[in-house]
Amino acid sequence: MSFDAPWVLLVGAIAAALLTWAYQRALARTDAQALQYSNLAFLERALRPRRWVAVALRGAWIVALCALVIGLAGPHLQLPVPVADGNVFICIDTSGSMASTDVTPTRAAAAQSAARAFIEEAPAGIKIGLITFSGAAELIAPLSANKATTLAAVDQIPAPNGATAIGDALQLAASQFPPTGHRVVVLITDGVNNTGVDPQEMAQYFAAHHVPIYTIGIGTPNGDVIGGEESTIDEGALESYAQVSGGSYARAENATQLHDALARLGRETTIERRPVAAALGFVIAGAALLVVTMLTGLSVGRIP
């Protein structure tokens, strides 16, 4: 929580201390006068049932004053809010190993289905683009807030073939992003980078520009052997890209896990924590509690 006028908190604390001192002095005088009663036992029995009421009212009074002071200080809370200027690139691996059938029906088909889930789960207004990569990267769909257009582009993803140029895909995304705004990369791959730009360098570039990379490794340890090579996942590298850039890594060993992971990212990557003014809420809550406390005190004959 941050404040527009933190000095108000200090003034409020001093005022509260003075009020507490004055109240205790007044309470001491009241107790001294009560001792003059001829029947102290009767007085004690009469007051005992309402002591908890006085304590409760006093506590409510203190909470109300604290809320008012905090409200006057102009508080701002860091809350998750949908971003209006969100830009997300989904980078999908289309190298030869994506034809592996260890994920039903194939890794490639599961990735396409998951990409649709991501697009459908994203809030309206978010711009989403689509990049595929094998031996080179290709822009399948530029950033657009039109979900129908982006979903149609998913059907144009090429069949699995070739090497794995993860760095090229990240570089292409970097060139297509606007210079400012909320920007995110979602990387879906099953392979090890083996050509093109070093993806670790691109991860560092994105970190410097505050663009997180969310990586998802798709596949199982028992991937098919395609083109004489086993379909593997370089989880250490994928975790590193995510960690360096401020994103996160997840592994999906079946179509359901991949679908769920992408749907979740569709909601999470289009929300960010921003300072939201909360002064009015604190003032209203404090004033309302103050009024309720006063009315309750008057009704039971107790002024906190």
Protein backbone atom coordinates (compact mmCIF):
# COMPACT_ATOMS: atom_id res chain seq x y z
CA MET A 1 0.00 0.00 0.00
CA SER A 2 1.26 3.51 -0.83
CA PHE A 3 -0.02 6.96 0.18
CA ASP A 4 -0.37 10.35 -1.51
CA ALA A 5 0.05 12.16 1.82
CA PRO A 6 1.88 9.90 4.29
CA TRP A 7 2.30 12.84 6.69
CA VAL A 8 -1.42 12.59 7.42
CA LEU A 9 -0.73 9.23 9.08
CA LEU A 10 1.72 10.89 11.49
CA VAL A 11 -0.70 13.70 12.28
CA GLY A 12 -3.47 11.16 12.77
CA ALA A 13 -1.33 9.05 15.10
CA ILE A 14 -0.52 12.11 17.22
CA ALA A 15 -4.18 13.17 17.30
CA ALA A 16 -5.23 9.64 18.26
CA ALA A 17 -2.68 9.59 21.10
CA LEU A 18 -3.96 12.92 22.42
CA LEU A 19 -7.59 11.78 22.20
CA THR A 20 -6.74 8.55 24.00
CA TRP A 21 -5.00 10.49 26.77
CA ALA A 22 -7.94 12.87 27.13
CA TYR A 23 -10.38 9.96 27.16
CA GLN A 24 -8.43 8.12 29.86
CA ARG A 25 -8.38 11.28 31.97
CA ALA A 26 -12.13 11.67 31.61
CA LEU A 27 -12.63 7.98 32.41
CA ALA A 28 -10.52 8.31 35.53
CA ARG A 29 -12.65 11.23 36.74
CA THR A 30 -15.81 9.20 36.09
CA ASP A 31 -14.46 6.27 38.08
CA ALA A 32 -13.55 8.60 40.97
CA GLN A 33 -17.09 9.94 41.04
CA ALA A 34 -18.48 6.40 40.96
CA LEU A 35 -16.58 5.55 44.12
CA GLN A 36 -18.79 8.00 45.99
CA TYR A 37 -21.77 5.68 45.59
CA SER A 38 -22.98 4.42 48.95
CA ASN A 39 -23.59 0.92 47.61
CA LEU A 40 -20.54 -0.05 45.55
CA ALA A 41 -21.56 -3.70 45.35
CA PHE A 42 -24.82 -2.73 43.67
CA LEU A 43 -22.98 -0.42 41.26
CA GLU A 44 -20.54 -3.18 40.31
CA ARG A 45 -23.35 -5.64 39.62
CA ALA A 46 -25.18 -3.04 37.55
CA LEU A 47 -22.16 -2.19 35.39
CA ARG A 48 -20.61 -5.66 34.94
CA PRO A 49 -22.98 -6.92 32.17
CA ARG A 50 -22.21 -3.87 30.03
CA ARG A 51 -18.44 -3.80 30.31
CA TRP A 52 -18.04 -5.84 27.13
CA VAL A 53 -20.29 -3.34 25.34
CA ALA A 54 -17.98 -0.48 26.32
CA VAL A 55 -14.93 -2.44 25.15
CA ALA A 56 -16.58 -3.31 21.82
CA LEU A 57 -17.67 0.28 21.22
CA ARG A 58 -14.22 1.56 22.08
CA GLY A 59 -12.64 -0.87 19.63
CA ALA A 60 -15.09 0.08 16.88
CA TRP A 61 -14.39 3.76 17.53
CA ILE A 62 -10.63 3.19 17.16
CA VAL A 63 -11.05 1.18 13.95
CA ALA A 64 -13.32 3.90 12.50
CA LEU A 65 -10.82 6.65 13.28
CA CYS A 66 -7.97 4.60 11.77
CA ALA A 67 -9.97 4.08 8.57
CA LEU A 68 -10.70 7.80 8.32
CA VAL A 69 -7.05 8.73 8.83
CA ILE A 70 -5.89 6.18 6.26
CA GLY A 71 -8.50 7.46 3.80
CA LEU A 72 -7.37 11.06 4.26
CA ALA A 73 -3.77 9.97 3.57
CA GLY A 74 -4.77 8.93 0.03
CA PRO A 75 -4.02 5.19 0.01
CA HIS A 76 -3.37 3.17 -3.13
CA LEU A 77 -3.70 -0.62 -3.12
CA GLN A 78 -1.82 -2.90 -5.53
CA LEU A 79 -4.68 -4.88 -7.06
CA PRO A 80 -4.92 -7.21 -10.09
CA VAL A 81 -6.75 -5.42 -12.88
CA PRO A 82 -7.40 -6.30 -16.55
CA VAL A 83 -5.03 -4.44 -18.84
CA ALA A 84 -6.50 -2.35 -21.60
CA ASP A 85 -3.28 -2.25 -23.65
CA GLY A 86 -2.29 -5.91 -23.47
CA ASN A 87 -0.26 -7.47 -26.29
CA VAL A 88 0.44 -11.21 -26.35
CA PHE A 89 2.35 -13.30 -28.88
CA ILE A 90 1.83 -17.07 -28.89
CA CYS A 91 4.92 -18.75 -30.34
CA ILE A 92 4.23 -22.35 -31.39
CA ASP A 93 6.89 -24.92 -32.29
CA THR A 94 6.26 -26.60 -35.66
CA SER A 95 9.51 -28.54 -35.88
CA GLY A 96 9.50 -32.17 -36.98
CA SER A 97 9.33 -33.53 -33.44
CA MET A 98 5.89 -31.96 -32.96
CA ALA A 99 4.54 -34.85 -35.05
CA SER A 100 5.20 -37.17 -32.10
CA THR A 101 2.11 -39.09 -30.97
CA ASP A 102 2.99 -39.38 -27.27
CA VAL A 103 0.48 -36.55 -26.80
CA THR A 104 -2.86 -37.49 -28.36
CA PRO A 105 -3.44 -37.18 -31.25
CA THR A 106 -0.10 -35.41 -31.86
CA ARG A 107 1.86 -32.72 -30.08
CA ALA A 108 1.12 -30.34 -32.94
CA ALA A 109 -2.64 -30.91 -32.84
CA ALA A 110 -2.70 -30.54 -29.05
CA ALA A 111 -0.78 -27.27 -29.32
CA GLN A 112 -3.27 -25.88 -31.84
CA SER A 113 -6.20 -26.80 -29.60
CA ALA A 114 -4.53 -25.22 -26.59
CA ALA A 115 -3.81 -22.02 -28.55
CA ARG A 116 -7.52 -21.73 -29.29
CA ALA A 117 -8.26 -22.09 -25.56
CA PHE A 118 -5.82 -19.30 -24.76
CA ILE A 119 -7.39 -16.95 -27.30
CA GLU A 120 -10.92 -17.74 -26.13
CA GLU A 121 -10.03 -17.20 -22.43
CA ALA A 122 -8.30 -13.86 -23.00
CA PRO A 123 -10.41 -10.77 -22.08
CA ALA A 124 -11.94 -8.75 -24.89
CA GLY A 125 -9.68 -6.00 -26.19
CA ILE A 126 -6.40 -7.84 -25.68
CA LYS A 127 -4.31 -7.97 -28.84
CA ILE A 128 -3.04 -11.47 -29.63
CA GLY A 129 -0.62 -12.48 -32.36
CA LEU A 130 0.58 -15.88 -33.58
CA ILE A 131 4.12 -16.93 -34.56
CA THR A 132 5.24 -20.40 -35.65
CA PHE A 133 8.80 -21.63 -35.84
CA SER A 134 10.77 -24.60 -37.10
CA GLY A 135 14.01 -23.90 -39.02
CA ALA A 136 12.86 -20.26 -39.17
CA ALA A 137 10.12 -18.12 -37.61
CA GLU A 138 6.97 -17.03 -39.42
CA LEU A 139 4.33 -14.46 -38.49
CA ILE A 140 1.01 -16.27 -38.93
CA ALA A 141 -1.18 -13.55 -37.41
CA PRO A 142 -0.15 -10.00 -36.39
CA LEU A 143 -1.32 -8.54 -33.10
CA SER A 144 -5.08 -8.08 -33.23
CA ALA A 145 -7.97 -7.65 -30.80
CA ASN A 146 -10.23 -9.50 -33.23
CA LYS A 147 -10.49 -12.99 -31.72
CA ALA A 148 -12.24 -14.43 -34.77
CA THR A 149 -9.34 -13.40 -37.03
CA THR A 150 -6.72 -14.85 -34.68
CA LEU A 151 -8.67 -18.09 -34.19
CA ALA A 152 -8.91 -18.48 -37.95
CA ALA A 153 -5.14 -18.08 -38.19
CA VAL A 154 -4.68 -21.05 -35.85
CA ASP A 155 -5.99 -23.26 -38.64
CA GLN A 156 -3.18 -21.98 -40.89
CA ILE A 157 -0.38 -23.31 -38.66
CA PRO A 158 1.93 -25.39 -40.89
CA ALA A 159 2.50 -29.13 -40.42
CA PRO A 160 5.48 -30.23 -38.30
CA ASN A 161 8.77 -30.20 -40.18
CA GLY A 162 12.37 -29.09 -39.79
CA ALA A 163 14.65 -27.84 -37.02
CA THR A 164 13.86 -25.76 -33.90
CA ALA A 165 14.67 -22.03 -33.95
CA ILE A 166 13.27 -20.80 -30.63
CA GLY A 167 15.45 -17.68 -30.62
CA ASP A 168 14.22 -16.65 -34.07
CA ALA A 169 10.60 -16.81 -32.87
CA LEU A 170 11.40 -14.65 -29.84
CA GLN A 171 13.28 -12.17 -32.03
CA LEU A 172 10.35 -11.92 -34.43
CA ALA A 173 7.96 -11.29 -31.53
CA ALA A 174 10.26 -8.55 -30.22
CA SER A 175 10.20 -6.81 -33.60
CA GLN A 176 6.39 -6.89 -33.74
CA PHE A 177 5.64 -5.64 -30.22
CA PRO A 178 4.78 -1.97 -29.65
CA PRO A 179 7.45 -0.03 -27.72
CA THR A 180 5.28 0.35 -24.63
CA GLY A 181 2.34 -1.31 -22.90
CA HIS A 182 1.75 -4.68 -21.29
CA ARG A 183 3.57 -7.26 -23.44
CA VAL A 184 3.81 -11.02 -22.94
CA VAL A 185 5.24 -13.99 -24.87
CA VAL A 186 3.77 -17.49 -24.54
CA LEU A 187 6.20 -20.09 -25.91
CA ILE A 188 4.98 -23.64 -26.68
CA THR A 189 7.74 -26.05 -27.68
CA ASP A 190 8.81 -29.66 -27.31
CA GLY A 191 12.35 -29.42 -28.56
CA VAL A 192 15.86 -28.18 -28.03
CA ASN A 193 16.96 -25.01 -29.80
CA ASN A 194 19.34 -26.12 -32.56
CA THR A 195 19.50 -23.26 -35.04
CA GLY A 196 19.23 -19.49 -35.37
CA VAL A 197 19.44 -16.80 -32.70
CA ASP A 198 20.41 -17.77 -29.15
CA PRO A 199 17.11 -17.78 -27.19
CA GLN A 200 18.98 -17.02 -23.94
CA GLU A 201 20.07 -13.69 -25.40
CA MET A 202 16.49 -12.94 -26.37
CA ALA A 203 15.31 -13.84 -22.86
CA GLN A 204 17.75 -11.27 -21.47
CA TYR A 205 16.51 -8.74 -24.02
CA PHE A 206 12.92 -9.29 -22.94
CA ALA A 207 13.92 -9.03 -19.27
CA ALA A 208 15.49 -5.62 -19.96
CA HIS A 209 12.25 -4.49 -21.61
CA HIS A 210 9.96 -5.98 -18.92
CA VAL A 211 8.40 -8.58 -21.23
CA PRO A 212 7.92 -11.94 -19.46
CA ILE A 213 8.16 -15.23 -21.35
CA TYR A 214 5.82 -18.01 -20.23
CA THR A 215 7.22 -21.30 -21.50
CA ILE A 216 5.34 -24.58 -21.82
CA GLY A 217 7.20 -27.79 -22.58
CA ILE A 218 4.96 -30.28 -24.34
CA GLY A 219 5.65 -34.00 -24.46
CA THR A 220 6.62 -37.05 -22.40
CA PRO A 221 9.99 -38.75 -21.80
CA ASN A 222 8.88 -41.41 -24.30
CA GLY A 223 8.57 -39.26 -27.41
CA ASP A 224 8.78 -40.76 -30.87
CA VAL A 225 12.04 -41.00 -32.82
CA ILE A 226 11.55 -38.72 -35.83
CA GLY A 227 14.16 -38.20 -38.51
CA GLY A 228 16.61 -40.33 -36.59
CA GLU A 229 16.36 -38.14 -33.46
CA GLU A 230 14.42 -38.69 -30.24
CA SER A 231 11.77 -36.08 -29.42
CA THR A 232 13.06 -34.55 -26.19
CA ILE A 233 12.50 -31.42 -24.08
CA ASP A 234 15.23 -29.14 -22.79
CA GLU A 235 13.40 -28.29 -19.56
CA GLY A 236 16.40 -26.57 -18.03
CA ALA A 237 16.58 -24.12 -20.93
CA LEU A 238 12.84 -23.46 -20.92
CA GLU A 239 12.89 -22.80 -17.19
CA SER A 240 15.81 -20.43 -17.69
CA TYR A 241 14.07 -18.40 -20.43
CA ALA A 242 11.08 -17.98 -18.16
CA GLN A 243 13.04 -17.18 -15.00
CA VAL A 244 15.35 -14.65 -16.66
CA SER A 245 12.48 -12.74 -18.27
CA GLY A 246 10.14 -12.82 -15.26
CA GLY A 247 7.71 -15.46 -16.54
CA SER A 248 7.15 -19.07 -15.50
CA TYR A 249 7.57 -22.59 -16.87
CA ALA A 250 5.08 -25.46 -16.99
CA ARG A 251 5.25 -28.93 -18.51
CA ALA A 252 2.32 -30.61 -20.23
CA GLU A 253 2.45 -34.35 -20.85
CA ASN A 254 -1.02 -34.65 -22.36
CA ALA A 255 -3.53 -32.61 -24.30
CA THR A 256 -5.65 -31.86 -21.22
CA GLN A 257 -2.73 -30.45 -19.25
CA LEU A 258 -1.68 -28.31 -22.20
CA HIS A 259 -5.23 -27.07 -22.77
CA ASP A 260 -5.64 -26.15 -19.08
CA ALA A 261 -2.24 -24.46 -18.89
CA LEU A 262 -2.94 -22.27 -21.91
CA ALA A 263 -6.47 -21.42 -20.76
CA ARG A 264 -5.07 -20.36 -17.37
CA LEU A 265 -2.39 -18.23 -19.02
CA GLY A 266 -5.07 -16.65 -21.19
CA ARG A 267 -6.56 -15.23 -18.02
CA GLU A 268 -3.39 -14.56 -16.01
CA THR A 269 -1.16 -12.93 -18.61
CA THR A 270 -3.76 -10.27 -19.42
CA ILE A 271 -3.98 -9.08 -15.81
CA GLU A 272 -1.39 -7.06 -13.92
CA ARG A 273 -1.10 -5.49 -10.49
CA ARG A 274 -1.58 -1.74 -10.57
CA PRO A 275 -2.05 0.90 -7.85
CA VAL A 276 -5.77 1.59 -7.38
CA ALA A 277 -6.98 4.62 -5.38
CA ALA A 278 -8.77 3.42 -2.25
CA ALA A 279 -9.23 6.69 -0.32
CA LEU A 280 -12.97 6.91 -0.90
CA GLY A 281 -13.56 3.36 0.32
CA PHE A 282 -11.63 3.92 3.55
CA VAL A 283 -13.38 7.25 4.25
CA ILE A 284 -16.85 5.84 3.62
CA ALA A 285 -16.15 2.74 5.73
CA GLY A 286 -14.68 4.81 8.56
CA ALA A 287 -17.50 7.35 8.56
CA ALA A 288 -20.17 4.64 8.44
CA LEU A 289 -18.58 2.74 11.34
CA LEU A 290 -18.27 5.98 13.29
CA VAL A 291 -21.98 6.76 12.88
CA VAL A 292 -23.00 3.20 13.80
CA THR A 293 -20.77 3.29 16.87
CA MET A 294 -22.19 6.62 18.02
CA LEU A 295 -25.81 5.52 17.54
CA THR A 296 -25.16 2.21 19.28
CA GLY A 297 -23.46 3.97 22.17
CA LEU A 298 -26.34 6.38 22.59
CA SER A 299 -28.88 3.55 22.52
CA VAL A 300 -27.14 1.62 25.32
CA GLY A 301 -26.04 4.63 27.30
CA ARG A 302 -22.38 4.16 26.50
CA ILE A 303 -20.26 6.76 24.70
CA PRO A 304 -16.88 5.27 23.75
